[in-house]
Amino acid sequence: MSQPKLRIIPLGGLGEIGRNMMVVECDDDIIVIDCGVMFPKDEMLGVDLVIPDITYLLERQERVRGIIITHGHEDHTGALPYVLPRLNVPVYCSLLTHGLISVKLKEHRQLAGARLNIVQPGDTVGFGKLSVEFFHVCHSIPDALGLIIHTPLGTVVHTGDFKMDYTPVDGLPTDFARLASLRGEGVLLLFSDSTYAEVPGYTASEQEVAYTLERTMAEAQGRVIIATFASLISRMQLVLEAAARQGRRVFFVGRSMRDNVEMALKLGYLKAPSGLIGQLQELPSLAPEKVVIMTTGSQGEPTSALVRMAIREHPQVDIVPGDTVILSATPIPGNEHLVNRTLDNLFRLGTRVLYDKIAPVHVHGHGSQEELKMVIHLVNPRYFVPVHGEYRHLSLHAAIAQSLGMPPSNTFVLEDGDVLEMTGEGSRVTGRVPSGNVYVDGLSVGGVGPVVLRDRQALARDGMVVVVLALDQRTGQLVGDPDVASMGFVEMAESRVLVEETRKLVEGLVAHHQGMRAGDQLRSELKDALSRLYYEKTRRRPIILPFTLEV
């Protein structure tokens, strides 16, 4: 009888922030942990979202038993609308996560076909040779779960995103008791959240933000406008409680935030006395000192409500001097310039602005170094794989484990696509599988690839020149002057010398080809010759599109 083999394959989330997806495979059974999106980087021009490449799973679809979602943030759930139509498998998640996923799938008109299953801490679900037990962890969103995966080789623990908050908004701290009990049972492998492995000490409690929010509402002479993530339900509850005590009413702006609030109220994850939450049409009738507005846009997303307010393009809310704006979030890596631009625009409006660098308006939902040590010590795994973070975060987390006595040979800093194989004889990285970025661009999923991005980058950097030639179909001679148009290269109307040199070069090449039918050879030579001319004159290489018309 063959010995069982466990394969660990990250398809996203290792070496980056976001796009979390981990494959755990034992013989014929596969489970997938999380299914998230990532915000596009600066060089991904025009891309809306980045999702994992699921080629490996599609090729083994009959063996995929389910997708397990640890919590409701977009970097763990946001790819489901794009993955489930291709990988039709059941999804397992907590009640609030189920609500957030349902809102997202409904928006994409895919809720009817989804097989969503609700689990809670203490439940165990079987997936063939694998079974998963769920335990509660504290994060910046309620109903976050850690996973205890029982395999033929031993127990695997996945923390999900977590921190050790002893005074969480929902009153439910991380389940230390269950973690500690695992030490006696023996743990084969620990996956642990690495996002804040650079940060010494302990992560502050959410209650620190509660104090800042209430004090700000008490001191503000006008409206208080708070921007945060649409899924940050715990922060919304703090705002509701503080507003009620300060005699202010709360208004939610942004479709995704309003949808999530409606769902969380219905499920009981948000609690508000009657009349506290208002409708936007009521705003003009209220005194500014009686108003709190919660909105999306904490990451500077160009179409978000806060950004539109900051440039005076929002149809219902105008920010004015006397308002206080709070960005209750920290920038996701790569979004810093968007956030800074939004801050500058807010300051230009003469409003008071509070953000993480000048006031304690946000605490993150991830464990810092001492909390990471605590989990490793409690669990005492044989092997350790840091997850969720850029490469430096993973490396630093591995170093933390080694400082607690973990042998370097038992610590694996993996990257997306690596295959870690575990058997009774040991563990090693044996190869790689496809794990690249899949780009969501409007309605296109995967239609944008490296070639398209390269062309977009070239267009953004050097622009484009279009040259149109009308040729007599019998003689091959030019009919009139060539038309030259530039986009993003130079102002042709102000570059008459360059236009004239372009026309002379085109006329010379056409004369050289006279008597021949216009074809690919002429267009290729035009492209090469114009490229040399423009680089010589400008030290830039625009994209050149020559068109020939036979008349």
Protein backbone atom coordinates (compact mmCIF):
# COMPACT_ATOMS: atom_id res chain seq x y z
CA MET A 1 0.00 0.00 0.00
CA SER A 2 1.43 3.40 -0.99
CA GLN A 3 2.29 5.89 1.70
CA PRO A 4 0.11 9.04 1.88
CA LYS A 5 1.55 12.21 0.41
CA LEU A 6 0.56 15.75 1.29
CA ARG A 7 1.11 18.53 -1.25
CA ILE A 8 1.01 22.22 -0.34
CA ILE A 9 0.69 24.60 -3.31
CA PRO A 10 0.19 28.37 -2.90
CA LEU A 11 -1.52 29.85 -5.97
CA GLY A 12 -1.55 33.38 -4.54
CA GLY A 13 -0.76 35.44 -1.46
CA LEU A 14 2.89 34.48 -0.97
CA GLY A 15 5.30 37.21 -2.02
CA GLU A 16 2.46 39.73 -2.32
CA ILE A 17 -0.35 41.36 -0.36
CA GLY A 18 -3.66 39.93 -1.55
CA ARG A 19 -4.77 37.29 -4.07
CA ASN A 20 -4.73 34.69 -1.28
CA MET A 21 -5.26 31.10 -2.41
CA MET A 22 -3.68 27.95 -0.97
CA VAL A 23 -4.11 24.37 -2.20
CA VAL A 24 -3.87 21.44 0.22
CA GLU A 25 -3.83 18.10 -1.58
CA CYS A 26 -3.76 14.57 -0.22
CA ASP A 27 -3.81 11.85 -2.85
CA ASP A 28 -7.18 12.25 -4.66
CA ASP A 29 -8.58 14.99 -2.42
CA ILE A 30 -7.97 18.73 -2.84
CA ILE A 31 -9.20 21.62 -0.73
CA VAL A 32 -8.63 25.29 -1.51
CA ILE A 33 -8.14 27.87 1.24
CA ASP A 34 -9.34 31.37 0.30
CA CYS A 35 -9.99 32.90 -3.10
CA GLY A 36 -8.92 36.54 -3.06
CA VAL A 37 -8.12 39.49 -5.29
CA MET A 38 -5.20 41.88 -5.35
CA PHE A 39 -5.20 45.56 -6.27
CA PRO A 40 -3.28 46.18 -9.51
CA LYS A 41 0.23 47.62 -9.29
CA ASP A 42 1.22 50.86 -10.99
CA GLU A 43 2.57 49.10 -14.07
CA MET A 44 -0.69 47.16 -14.60
CA LEU A 45 -2.27 49.96 -16.59
CA GLY A 46 -6.03 49.75 -17.03
CA VAL A 47 -6.35 46.58 -14.93
CA ASP A 48 -9.16 46.58 -12.36
CA LEU A 49 -8.25 43.53 -10.28
CA VAL A 50 -5.75 40.68 -10.19
CA ILE A 51 -6.91 37.14 -9.37
CA PRO A 52 -5.10 33.79 -9.04
CA ASP A 53 -4.39 31.49 -11.98
CA ILE A 54 -6.50 28.36 -11.33
CA THR A 55 -5.15 26.27 -14.22
CA TYR A 56 -3.85 23.67 -11.76
CA LEU A 57 -7.30 23.30 -10.20
CA LEU A 58 -9.21 23.23 -13.49
CA GLU A 59 -7.05 20.34 -14.68
CA ARG A 60 -8.03 18.43 -11.51
CA GLN A 61 -11.55 19.74 -11.02
CA GLU A 62 -13.05 16.34 -10.25
CA ARG A 63 -10.74 16.09 -7.22
CA VAL A 64 -11.46 19.56 -5.75
CA ARG A 65 -13.74 18.98 -2.74
CA GLY A 66 -14.37 22.59 -1.80
CA ILE A 67 -13.15 26.14 -1.19
CA ILE A 68 -12.81 27.24 2.43
CA ILE A 69 -12.91 30.97 3.15
CA THR A 70 -11.26 32.13 6.37
CA HIS A 71 -12.98 35.55 6.56
CA GLY A 72 -14.86 38.14 4.55
CA HIS A 73 -12.18 40.55 3.30
CA GLU A 74 -11.80 41.00 -0.45
CA ASP A 75 -8.22 39.70 -0.51
CA HIS A 76 -9.70 36.35 0.62
CA THR A 77 -13.10 36.36 -1.14
CA GLY A 78 -12.99 38.78 -4.07
CA ALA A 79 -12.02 36.27 -6.79
CA LEU A 80 -15.04 34.02 -6.15
CA PRO A 81 -17.25 35.75 -8.77
CA TYR A 82 -14.58 34.98 -11.39
CA VAL A 83 -13.54 31.51 -10.15
CA LEU A 84 -16.86 29.83 -9.30
CA PRO A 85 -18.28 29.97 -12.87
CA ARG A 86 -15.23 27.93 -13.98
CA LEU A 87 -14.66 25.84 -10.85
CA ASN A 88 -18.13 24.84 -9.66
CA VAL A 89 -17.38 23.50 -6.17
CA PRO A 90 -18.97 24.14 -2.75
CA VAL A 91 -17.76 27.03 -0.58
CA TYR A 92 -17.54 26.86 3.23
CA CYS A 93 -17.45 29.99 5.39
CA SER A 94 -18.84 31.63 8.52
CA LEU A 95 -22.22 33.39 8.65
CA LEU A 96 -20.97 36.97 8.15
CA THR A 97 -18.56 35.86 5.43
CA HIS A 98 -21.49 34.09 3.77
CA GLY A 99 -23.39 37.38 3.83
CA LEU A 100 -20.52 39.38 2.33
CA ILE A 101 -19.92 36.76 -0.38
CA SER A 102 -23.64 36.69 -1.18
CA VAL A 103 -23.67 40.48 -1.67
CA LYS A 104 -20.70 40.20 -4.05
CA LEU A 105 -22.12 37.26 -6.02
CA LYS A 106 -25.51 38.96 -6.29
CA GLU A 107 -23.78 42.02 -7.73
CA HIS A 108 -22.26 39.72 -10.39
CA ARG A 109 -25.58 37.89 -10.89
CA GLN A 110 -24.07 34.58 -9.81
CA LEU A 111 -25.68 33.97 -6.45
CA ALA A 112 -28.28 31.49 -7.72
CA GLY A 113 -25.74 28.90 -8.86
CA ALA A 114 -23.34 29.18 -5.91
CA ARG A 115 -23.16 26.38 -3.32
CA LEU A 116 -22.45 28.32 -0.13
CA ASN A 117 -22.29 26.46 3.17
CA ILE A 118 -22.20 28.09 6.60
CA VAL A 119 -19.86 26.74 9.29
CA GLN A 120 -19.03 27.97 12.77
CA PRO A 121 -16.19 27.50 15.28
CA GLY A 122 -16.13 23.93 16.55
CA ASP A 123 -17.58 22.43 13.37
CA THR A 124 -15.66 19.77 11.44
CA VAL A 125 -16.26 19.09 7.74
CA GLY A 126 -14.92 16.06 5.90
CA PHE A 127 -13.30 16.28 2.46
CA GLY A 128 -12.30 12.69 1.68
CA LYS A 129 -8.97 11.95 3.37
CA LEU A 130 -8.91 15.51 4.69
CA SER A 131 -11.15 17.01 7.36
CA VAL A 132 -11.23 20.61 8.54
CA GLU A 133 -12.07 21.83 12.03
CA PHE A 134 -12.84 25.53 12.43
CA PHE A 135 -11.77 27.72 15.35
CA HIS A 136 -12.35 31.40 16.07
CA VAL A 137 -9.62 33.98 15.53
CA CYS A 138 -9.76 37.70 16.18
CA HIS A 139 -9.25 39.95 13.16
CA SER A 140 -10.51 43.35 12.01
CA ILE A 141 -13.76 41.73 10.88
CA PRO A 142 -16.07 39.48 12.90
CA ASP A 143 -16.47 35.77 12.20
CA ALA A 144 -12.85 35.18 11.13
CA LEU A 145 -11.79 31.53 11.24
CA GLY A 146 -8.61 29.56 11.66
CA LEU A 147 -8.40 26.01 10.32
CA ILE A 148 -7.22 22.74 11.84
CA ILE A 149 -6.77 20.35 8.93
CA HIS A 150 -6.60 16.68 9.86
CA THR A 151 -4.60 14.64 7.33
CA PRO A 152 -3.25 11.06 7.22
CA LEU A 153 0.22 12.51 7.90
CA GLY A 154 -0.78 14.67 10.85
CA THR A 155 -2.45 17.93 11.82
CA VAL A 156 -2.01 21.13 9.78
CA VAL A 157 -2.96 24.49 11.33
CA HIS A 158 -3.80 27.56 9.24
CA THR A 159 -4.24 30.72 11.33
CA GLY A 160 -5.97 32.79 8.67
CA ASP A 161 -5.53 36.52 9.30
CA PHE A 162 -5.40 37.01 13.06
CA LYS A 163 -4.32 39.12 16.01
CA MET A 164 -4.47 38.74 19.79
CA ASP A 165 -7.01 41.45 20.69
CA TYR A 166 -8.19 40.94 24.27
CA THR A 167 -10.94 43.57 23.94
CA PRO A 168 -12.39 42.96 20.45
CA VAL A 169 -15.53 44.75 19.30
CA ASP A 170 -17.55 41.52 19.19
CA GLY A 171 -16.18 40.31 22.53
CA LEU A 172 -14.69 37.14 21.02
CA PRO A 173 -10.89 36.85 21.31
CA THR A 174 -8.76 34.30 19.46
CA ASP A 175 -9.35 30.76 20.77
CA PHE A 176 -6.10 30.31 22.72
CA ALA A 177 -7.42 27.20 24.46
CA ARG A 178 -7.90 25.23 21.24
CA LEU A 179 -4.51 26.34 19.94
CA ALA A 180 -2.82 25.30 23.17
CA SER A 181 -4.55 21.90 23.16
CA LEU A 182 -3.03 21.16 19.76
CA ARG A 183 0.47 21.17 21.24
CA GLY A 184 -0.28 17.97 23.14
CA GLU A 185 -1.83 16.35 20.07
CA GLY A 186 1.20 17.12 17.90
CA VAL A 187 1.12 19.45 14.89
CA LEU A 188 2.79 18.55 11.62
CA LEU A 189 2.68 21.96 9.93
CA LEU A 190 1.73 25.54 10.80
CA PHE A 191 0.69 28.18 8.27
CA SER A 192 0.74 31.59 9.98
CA ASP A 193 -0.17 35.13 8.89
CA SER A 194 2.99 37.16 8.14
CA THR A 195 1.53 40.53 7.14
CA TYR A 196 2.99 42.42 10.12
CA ALA A 197 6.09 40.33 10.80
CA GLU A 198 8.15 43.55 10.52
CA VAL A 199 6.35 45.19 13.45
CA PRO A 200 7.74 44.64 16.95
CA GLY A 201 5.59 44.15 20.04
CA TYR A 202 1.83 43.62 20.04
CA THR A 203 -0.93 44.94 17.80
CA ALA A 204 -3.12 47.58 19.46
CA SER A 205 -6.73 46.82 20.29
CA GLU A 206 -9.61 48.09 18.18
CA GLN A 207 -10.77 49.96 21.31
CA GLU A 208 -7.97 52.51 20.78
CA VAL A 209 -9.71 53.56 17.57
CA ALA A 210 -13.03 53.75 19.42
CA TYR A 211 -11.60 56.35 21.80
CA THR A 212 -10.23 58.48 18.92
CA LEU A 213 -13.49 58.32 16.96
CA GLU A 214 -15.63 59.38 19.91
CA ARG A 215 -13.31 62.18 20.98
CA THR A 216 -13.23 63.51 17.41
CA MET A 217 -17.02 63.47 17.18
CA ALA A 218 -17.27 65.30 20.51
CA GLU A 219 -14.81 68.01 19.46
CA ALA A 220 -15.87 68.49 15.82
CA GLN A 221 -17.98 71.60 15.14
CA GLY A 222 -19.24 70.23 11.82
CA ARG A 223 -19.80 66.94 10.08
CA VAL A 224 -17.48 63.97 10.63
CA ILE A 225 -16.79 61.95 7.47
CA ILE A 226 -15.12 58.57 8.00
CA ALA A 227 -13.66 56.50 5.16
CA THR A 228 -12.85 52.84 5.65
CA PHE A 229 -13.20 49.48 3.91
CA ALA A 230 -16.72 48.47 2.92
CA SER A 231 -16.26 45.14 4.71
CA LEU A 232 -14.85 46.54 7.99
CA ILE A 233 -17.96 45.71 10.01
CA SER A 234 -16.24 46.09 13.41
CA ARG A 235 -15.22 49.67 12.60
CA MET A 236 -18.77 50.47 11.51
CA GLN A 237 -20.08 49.23 14.86
CA LEU A 238 -17.65 51.49 16.73
CA VAL A 239 -18.82 54.46 14.66
CA LEU A 240 -22.48 53.68 15.32
CA GLU A 241 -21.90 53.42 19.08
CA ALA A 242 -19.85 56.63 19.26
CA ALA A 243 -22.36 58.56 17.12
CA ALA A 244 -25.25 57.44 19.32
CA ARG A 245 -23.48 58.68 22.46
CA GLN A 246 -22.63 62.01 20.80
CA GLY A 247 -26.13 62.66 19.48
CA ARG A 248 -25.20 62.31 15.81
CA ARG A 249 -26.93 60.37 13.06
CA VAL A 250 -24.97 58.11 10.69
CA PHE A 251 -25.25 58.07 6.90
CA PHE A 252 -23.59 55.44 4.70
CA VAL A 253 -22.30 56.42 1.25
CA GLY A 254 -21.07 54.02 -1.44
CA ARG A 255 -23.04 51.12 -2.90
CA SER A 256 -20.82 48.34 -1.54
CA MET A 257 -20.83 49.84 1.96
CA ARG A 258 -24.62 50.31 1.97
CA ASP A 259 -25.18 46.73 0.76
CA ASN A 260 -22.86 45.34 3.44
CA VAL A 261 -24.49 47.44 6.17
CA GLU A 262 -27.94 46.23 5.17
CA MET A 263 -26.74 42.61 5.26
CA ALA A 264 -24.88 43.00 8.60
CA LEU A 265 -27.90 44.63 10.25
CA LYS A 266 -30.14 41.82 9.04
CA LEU A 267 -27.76 39.15 10.40
CA GLY A 268 -27.19 40.98 13.70
CA TYR A 269 -23.49 41.79 13.21
CA LEU A 270 -24.34 45.50 13.31
CA LYS A 271 -26.60 46.89 16.02
CA ALA A 272 -28.10 50.37 15.92
CA PRO A 273 -31.02 51.96 17.78
CA SER A 274 -33.99 52.99 15.68
CA GLY A 275 -33.45 56.29 13.87
CA LEU A 276 -29.64 56.33 14.21
CA ILE A 277 -29.01 55.42 10.56
CA GLY A 278 -30.37 57.99 8.14
CA GLN A 279 -31.06 58.25 4.42
CA LEU A 280 -28.96 60.63 2.31
CA GLN A 281 -31.95 62.75 1.31
CA GLU A 282 -32.25 63.76 4.99
CA LEU A 283 -28.77 65.32 5.10
CA PRO A 284 -29.73 68.89 4.08
CA SER A 285 -32.22 69.15 6.93
CA LEU A 286 -29.72 68.28 9.69
CA ALA A 287 -27.26 70.58 11.45
CA PRO A 288 -23.64 69.66 10.55
CA GLU A 289 -22.78 68.90 14.18
CA LYS A 290 -25.46 66.17 14.15
CA VAL A 291 -24.02 64.23 11.20
CA VAL A 292 -21.55 61.37 10.71
CA ILE A 293 -20.96 60.06 7.18
CA MET A 294 -19.28 56.70 6.57
CA THR A 295 -17.97 56.18 3.08
CA THR A 296 -15.80 54.04 0.86
CA GLY A 297 -12.57 55.34 -0.64
CA SER A 298 -9.95 54.84 2.08
CA GLN A 299 -7.55 53.47 -0.56
CA GLY A 300 -7.99 56.39 -2.96
CA GLU A 301 -9.87 54.29 -5.52
CA PRO A 302 -10.60 56.69 -8.41
CA THR A 303 -14.34 55.94 -8.62
CA SER A 304 -14.97 55.68 -4.86
CA ALA A 305 -17.27 58.02 -2.96
CA LEU A 306 -14.58 59.79 -0.93
CA VAL A 307 -12.41 60.50 -3.96
CA ARG A 308 -15.40 61.98 -5.78
CA MET A 309 -16.16 64.12 -2.73
CA ALA A 310 -12.53 65.28 -2.61
CA ILE A 311 -12.72 66.57 -6.20
CA ARG A 312 -16.24 67.98 -5.78
CA GLU A 313 -17.88 65.48 -8.13
CA HIS A 314 -20.08 63.58 -5.69
CA PRO A 315 -23.78 64.16 -6.44
CA GLN A 316 -24.94 64.21 -2.79
CA VAL A 317 -22.05 65.22 -0.50
CA ASP A 318 -19.93 68.37 -0.79
CA ILE A 319 -17.00 68.59 1.62
CA VAL A 320 -16.70 72.10 3.08
CA PRO A 321 -14.49 73.89 5.62
CA GLY A 322 -15.62 72.84 9.07
CA ASP A 323 -15.94 69.18 8.13
CA THR A 324 -13.58 66.64 9.69
CA VAL A 325 -12.49 63.77 7.44
CA ILE A 326 -10.99 60.59 8.93
CA LEU A 327 -9.22 57.98 6.81
CA SER A 328 -9.68 55.00 9.11
CA ALA A 329 -7.38 52.63 7.23
CA THR A 330 -3.74 52.32 6.21
CA PRO A 331 -2.77 52.24 2.53
CA ILE A 332 -2.42 48.80 1.01
CA PRO A 333 1.11 48.54 -0.47
CA GLY A 334 0.98 50.06 -3.95
CA ASN A 335 -1.92 52.39 -3.14
CA GLU A 336 0.13 55.01 -1.31
CA HIS A 337 0.16 57.53 -4.17
CA LEU A 338 -3.62 57.27 -4.62
CA VAL A 339 -4.20 57.83 -0.91
CA ASN A 340 -1.76 60.75 -0.80
CA ARG A 341 -3.46 62.39 -3.77
CA THR A 342 -6.82 62.10 -2.00
CA LEU A 343 -5.34 63.58 1.19
CA ASP A 344 -3.92 66.53 -0.75
CA ASN A 345 -7.30 67.18 -2.39
CA LEU A 346 -9.04 67.06 0.99
CA PHE A 347 -6.59 69.53 2.49
CA ARG A 348 -7.18 71.85 -0.49
CA LEU A 349 -10.85 71.97 0.45
CA GLY A 350 -9.94 73.49 3.81
CA THR A 351 -11.20 70.58 5.87
CA ARG A 352 -9.59 68.98 8.91
CA VAL A 353 -8.09 65.62 7.94
CA LEU A 354 -7.02 62.81 10.28
CA TYR A 355 -5.14 59.75 9.04
CA ASP A 356 -2.85 57.07 10.40
CA LYS A 357 0.37 59.11 10.38
CA ILE A 358 -0.99 61.87 12.60
CA ALA A 359 -3.69 60.23 14.74
CA PRO A 360 -4.60 56.74 16.04
CA VAL A 361 -7.55 56.35 13.67
CA HIS A 362 -6.77 52.81 12.56
CA VAL A 363 -5.31 49.63 13.98
CA HIS A 364 -4.53 46.74 11.73
CA GLY A 365 -5.98 43.28 12.08
CA HIS A 366 -2.74 41.30 12.00
CA GLY A 367 -0.52 40.00 14.75
CA SER A 368 2.82 41.72 15.36
CA GLN A 369 6.04 39.92 16.25
CA GLU A 370 5.19 38.94 19.84
CA GLU A 371 1.82 37.54 18.78
CA LEU A 372 3.46 35.54 16.00
CA LYS A 373 5.86 34.09 18.56
CA MET A 374 2.97 33.20 20.85
CA VAL A 375 1.19 31.17 18.17
CA ILE A 376 4.34 29.29 17.18
CA HIS A 377 5.05 28.52 20.85
CA LEU A 378 1.45 27.40 21.53
CA VAL A 379 1.23 25.14 18.49
CA ASN A 380 4.85 23.88 18.48
CA PRO A 381 4.73 22.55 14.90
CA ARG A 382 7.26 20.24 13.30
CA TYR A 383 7.27 22.29 10.08
CA PHE A 384 6.52 25.95 9.50
CA VAL A 385 5.35 27.86 6.39
CA PRO A 386 4.80 31.62 6.73
CA VAL A 387 1.88 32.84 4.57
CA HIS A 388 0.12 36.08 3.59
CA GLY A 389 2.76 38.71 2.89
CA GLU A 390 5.45 40.03 0.62
CA TYR A 391 8.69 38.08 0.50
CA ARG A 392 10.39 40.11 3.23
CA HIS A 393 7.45 39.46 5.55
CA LEU A 394 7.69 35.71 4.94
CA SER A 395 11.47 35.73 5.47
CA LEU A 396 11.22 37.71 8.71
CA HIS A 397 8.48 35.41 9.99
CA ALA A 398 10.64 32.38 9.21
CA ALA A 399 13.46 34.01 11.16
CA ILE A 400 11.10 34.49 14.11
CA ALA A 401 10.26 30.77 14.03
CA GLN A 402 13.94 29.87 13.90
CA SER A 403 14.67 32.14 16.85
CA LEU A 404 12.23 29.97 18.85
CA GLY A 405 14.14 26.79 17.98
CA MET A 406 12.57 25.80 14.65
CA PRO A 407 15.31 24.12 12.53
CA PRO A 408 15.95 26.02 9.28
CA SER A 409 15.50 22.74 7.36
CA ASN A 410 11.94 22.57 8.70
CA THR A 411 11.06 26.13 7.69
CA PHE A 412 9.88 26.75 4.13
CA VAL A 413 9.62 30.23 2.63
CA LEU A 414 7.50 29.44 -0.39
CA GLU A 415 6.43 31.56 -3.33
CA ASP A 416 3.32 31.28 -5.48
CA GLY A 417 3.47 28.11 -7.56
CA ASP A 418 5.94 26.21 -5.37
CA VAL A 419 5.01 22.59 -4.58
CA LEU A 420 5.88 21.44 -1.06
CA GLU A 421 5.59 17.67 -0.74
CA MET A 422 5.34 16.06 2.67
CA THR A 423 5.66 12.32 3.32
CA GLY A 424 6.47 10.17 6.29
CA GLU A 425 10.13 10.42 5.29
CA GLY A 426 10.33 14.23 5.23
CA SER A 427 9.40 17.36 3.32
CA ARG A 428 10.89 19.17 0.33
CA VAL A 429 9.98 21.53 -2.51
CA THR A 430 9.66 19.35 -5.61
CA GLY A 431 8.64 21.72 -8.39
CA ARG A 432 6.32 24.45 -9.57
CA VAL A 433 2.86 24.79 -11.11
CA PRO A 434 1.27 27.70 -13.08
CA SER A 435 0.53 30.57 -10.69
CA GLY A 436 0.76 33.81 -12.61
CA ASN A 437 -1.51 36.81 -12.48
CA VAL A 438 -4.88 36.75 -14.18
CA TYR A 439 -6.08 40.27 -14.93
CA VAL A 440 -9.66 41.48 -14.69
CA ASP A 441 -10.11 44.38 -17.10
CA GLY A 442 -13.71 45.52 -17.37
CA LEU A 443 -15.70 42.47 -18.50
CA SER A 444 -12.55 40.68 -19.65
CA VAL A 445 -11.06 38.03 -17.35
CA GLY A 446 -7.69 36.79 -18.56
CA GLY A 447 -7.93 38.60 -21.88
CA VAL A 448 -5.18 41.02 -20.88
CA GLY A 449 -1.72 39.45 -20.82
CA PRO A 450 1.92 40.52 -20.72
CA VAL A 451 1.93 41.68 -24.36
CA VAL A 452 -1.09 43.96 -23.83
CA LEU A 453 0.39 45.39 -20.62
CA ARG A 454 3.72 45.96 -22.36
CA ASP A 455 1.97 47.87 -25.15
CA ARG A 456 0.02 49.94 -22.61
CA GLN A 457 3.24 50.77 -20.78
CA ALA A 458 4.88 51.81 -24.05
CA LEU A 459 1.91 53.98 -24.93
CA ALA A 460 1.96 55.59 -21.49
CA ARG A 461 5.69 56.19 -21.68
CA ASP A 462 6.25 57.33 -25.28
CA GLY A 463 2.87 57.70 -26.95
CA MET A 464 1.89 56.76 -30.48
CA VAL A 465 2.21 58.09 -34.04
CA VAL A 466 -0.23 57.16 -36.80
CA VAL A 467 0.82 57.68 -40.43
CA VAL A 468 -1.83 57.24 -43.14
CA LEU A 469 -0.81 56.96 -46.80
CA ALA A 470 -3.19 57.02 -49.77
CA LEU A 471 -1.62 55.21 -52.75
CA ASP A 472 -2.79 54.96 -56.34
CA GLN A 473 -3.68 51.29 -56.79
CA ARG A 474 -2.32 51.23 -60.37
CA THR A 475 0.92 53.21 -60.07
CA GLY A 476 1.72 52.89 -56.36
CA GLN A 477 2.30 56.66 -56.19
CA LEU A 478 1.22 58.80 -53.27
CA VAL A 479 -2.12 60.55 -53.64
CA GLY A 480 -1.76 63.74 -51.61
CA ASP A 481 0.42 64.27 -48.56
CA PRO A 482 0.70 61.57 -45.86
CA ASP A 483 -1.46 62.30 -42.78
CA VAL A 484 0.52 62.27 -39.53
CA ALA A 485 -1.21 62.19 -36.14
CA SER A 486 0.35 61.91 -32.69
CA MET A 487 -1.17 60.80 -29.39
CA GLY A 488 0.93 61.15 -26.27
CA PHE A 489 4.15 61.73 -28.27
CA VAL A 490 4.44 65.37 -29.34
CA GLU A 491 2.06 68.13 -30.38
CA MET A 492 2.34 67.71 -34.14
CA ALA A 493 0.82 71.13 -34.71
CA GLU A 494 3.76 72.63 -32.83
CA SER A 495 6.38 70.29 -34.33
CA ARG A 496 6.23 71.28 -37.96
CA VAL A 497 9.86 70.36 -38.62
CA LEU A 498 9.29 66.82 -37.33
CA VAL A 499 6.10 66.47 -39.38
CA GLU A 500 7.90 67.67 -42.48
CA GLU A 501 10.77 65.23 -41.93
CA THR A 502 8.23 62.43 -41.43
CA ARG A 503 6.55 63.24 -44.75
CA LYS A 504 9.86 63.42 -46.64
CA LEU A 505 10.92 60.07 -45.22
CA VAL A 506 7.57 58.50 -46.17
CA GLU A 507 7.71 59.96 -49.69
CA GLY A 508 11.23 58.61 -50.18
CA LEU A 509 10.26 55.10 -49.10
CA VAL A 510 7.16 55.10 -51.30
CA ALA A 511 9.23 56.25 -54.28
CA HIS A 512 11.64 53.38 -53.59
CA HIS A 513 8.71 50.94 -53.71
CA GLN A 514 7.05 52.63 -56.70
CA GLY A 515 5.44 50.20 -59.09
CA MET A 516 4.96 47.60 -56.34
CA ARG A 517 1.67 46.99 -54.55
CA ALA A 518 1.59 48.36 -51.01
CA GLY A 519 2.09 45.58 -48.55
CA ASP A 520 3.65 44.38 -45.33
CA GLN A 521 7.18 45.11 -46.53
CA LEU A 522 6.46 48.80 -47.07
CA ARG A 523 4.70 49.12 -43.71
CA SER A 524 7.55 47.33 -41.94
CA GLU A 525 10.16 49.59 -43.51
CA LEU A 526 8.11 52.67 -42.66
CA LYS A 527 7.88 51.54 -39.04
CA ASP A 528 11.64 50.93 -38.74
CA ALA A 529 12.65 54.14 -40.50
CA LEU A 530 10.28 56.35 -38.50
CA SER A 531 11.37 54.70 -35.26
CA ARG A 532 15.00 55.59 -36.03
CA LEU A 533 14.03 59.16 -36.99
CA TYR A 534 11.99 59.80 -33.83
CA TYR A 535 14.62 58.33 -31.53
CA GLU A 536 17.32 60.45 -33.18
CA LYS A 537 15.22 63.62 -32.81
CA THR A 538 13.54 63.02 -29.42
CA ARG A 539 15.28 60.05 -27.69
CA ARG A 540 11.84 58.46 -27.41
CA ARG A 541 10.34 55.40 -29.07
CA PRO A 542 6.63 55.90 -29.72
CA ILE A 543 4.49 53.07 -31.05
CA ILE A 544 4.21 53.66 -34.81
CA LEU A 545 1.15 52.54 -36.76
CA PRO A 546 1.46 52.98 -40.54
CA PHE A 547 -1.71 52.51 -42.60
CA THR A 548 -1.82 52.28 -46.40
CA LEU A 549 -4.99 52.84 -48.42
CA GLU A 550 -5.21 51.98 -52.10
CA VAL A 551 -7.40 54.40 -54.06
